Protein backbone atom coordinates (compact mmCIF):
# COMPACT_ATOMS: atom_id res chain seq x y z
CA MET A 1 87.32 -4.61 77.89
CA ARG A 2 83.69 -5.52 77.11
CA ASP A 3 81.94 -6.42 80.58
CA VAL A 4 81.74 -4.33 83.54
CA ASN A 5 81.70 -6.13 86.56
CA PHE A 6 80.94 -4.85 90.22
CA TRP A 7 80.81 -5.41 94.00
CA GLY A 8 81.04 -3.51 97.39
CA THR A 9 79.35 -0.84 98.78
CA ASN A 10 76.12 -0.04 96.91
CA THR A 11 74.35 2.84 99.26
CA ASN A 12 73.53 5.03 96.52
CA GLY A 13 73.22 2.24 93.60
CA GLN A 14 76.84 3.21 92.83
CA LEU A 15 77.15 -0.60 91.27
CA GLY A 16 74.31 -0.44 88.55
CA ASN A 17 72.52 -3.47 89.31
CA GLY A 18 68.94 -1.76 90.00
CA SER A 19 69.06 -2.38 93.66
CA VAL A 20 71.07 -0.98 96.61
CA GLY A 21 72.99 -3.47 99.23
CA GLY A 22 76.36 -4.63 99.20
CA ILE A 23 77.76 -7.40 96.72
CA GLU A 24 80.48 -9.56 97.84
CA LEU A 25 81.32 -11.14 94.94
CA PRO A 26 82.10 -9.72 90.99
CA SER A 27 78.89 -9.58 89.24
CA LEU A 28 77.88 -7.64 85.50
CA VAL A 29 76.55 -4.37 85.19
CA PRO A 30 73.32 -5.25 83.36
CA GLY A 31 71.94 -2.92 81.15
CA LEU A 32 75.82 -2.19 78.90
CA SER A 33 74.96 -3.94 75.86
CA THR A 34 77.30 -2.61 74.22
CA LYS A 35 81.29 -2.49 73.88
CA ILE A 36 82.45 -0.73 77.21
CA ILE A 37 85.72 0.75 76.77
CA ASP A 38 86.42 3.11 79.69
CA ILE A 39 85.08 3.03 82.96
CA ALA A 40 85.29 5.82 85.81
CA ALA A 41 83.94 6.19 89.28
CA GLY A 42 83.56 9.07 91.87
CA ALA A 43 82.80 9.22 95.57
CA ALA A 44 79.51 6.67 95.21
CA PHE A 45 78.87 6.95 91.12
CA SER A 46 79.98 5.19 88.27
CA ALA A 47 79.95 5.74 84.58
CA ALA A 48 80.81 3.89 81.20
CA LEU A 49 82.30 4.96 78.06
CA ASP A 50 80.68 2.41 75.48
CA GLU A 51 82.68 2.26 71.90
CA PHE A 52 80.10 4.35 70.10
CA GLY A 53 81.49 7.44 72.52
CA ALA A 54 78.25 6.77 74.44
CA VAL A 55 78.19 7.80 78.24
CA TYR A 56 76.44 5.77 81.03
CA VAL A 57 76.12 6.92 84.19
CA TRP A 58 74.69 5.63 87.46
CA GLY A 59 74.55 5.90 91.52
CA SER A 60 74.73 8.94 93.70
CA ASN A 61 73.33 12.13 92.38
CA ASP A 62 72.95 14.22 95.23
CA HIS A 63 75.56 17.00 93.45
CA GLY A 64 74.01 16.47 90.19
CA GLN A 65 77.19 14.51 89.54
CA LEU A 66 75.21 12.43 87.06
CA GLY A 67 74.71 15.65 84.85
CA LEU A 68 70.84 14.64 84.56
CA GLY A 69 69.63 17.70 85.12
CA ASP A 70 68.27 16.38 88.68
CA LEU A 71 69.45 15.38 92.34
CA SER A 72 67.89 11.90 92.07
CA ASP A 73 70.18 8.83 92.56
CA ARG A 74 70.14 5.99 89.77
CA SER A 75 70.89 2.55 90.50
CA SER A 76 70.65 1.52 87.17
CA PRO A 77 73.00 2.97 83.82
CA SER A 78 71.09 6.29 82.39
CA ASN A 79 72.33 7.22 79.15
CA LEU A 80 74.11 10.48 79.77
CA VAL A 81 75.34 11.39 75.72
CA GLY A 82 74.47 9.59 72.87
CA GLY A 83 77.82 9.44 71.14
CA GLY A 84 81.29 11.41 70.25
CA ILE A 85 82.97 11.14 74.01
CA ARG A 86 86.49 9.81 73.43
CA LYS A 87 87.32 9.89 77.08
CA ILE A 88 85.65 10.12 80.69
CA VAL A 89 86.96 10.91 83.93
CA ALA A 90 85.00 11.46 87.53
CA GLY A 91 86.36 12.71 90.85
CA ASN A 92 84.63 13.00 94.21
CA ASP A 93 81.28 14.53 92.92
CA HIS A 94 82.13 15.02 89.30
CA ILE A 95 82.37 14.16 85.67
CA LEU A 96 84.86 15.30 82.90
CA LEU A 97 84.05 14.46 78.94
CA MET A 98 86.65 15.21 76.21
CA ARG A 99 85.21 14.52 72.61
């Protein structure tokens, strides 16, 4: 997998395009410049794992599910972990990372 495409509801920035509001046609997630090898999605947030083991997160963060140390939603990908991750899994309001 190289590119991550998005479409649908975007009330919390979960599509990662830097804005909120629905998208009707597949579009690329900007800001993911390396090869993406895995993706995961929760209730209203998303996460991507790149070929170097870095994790990027965006979307709803009302329960701290993005792991960035605050409760602010993100409408663009933010780097969570710089490397060393092999697998990501997302639940309703949480993310699990495996080294």
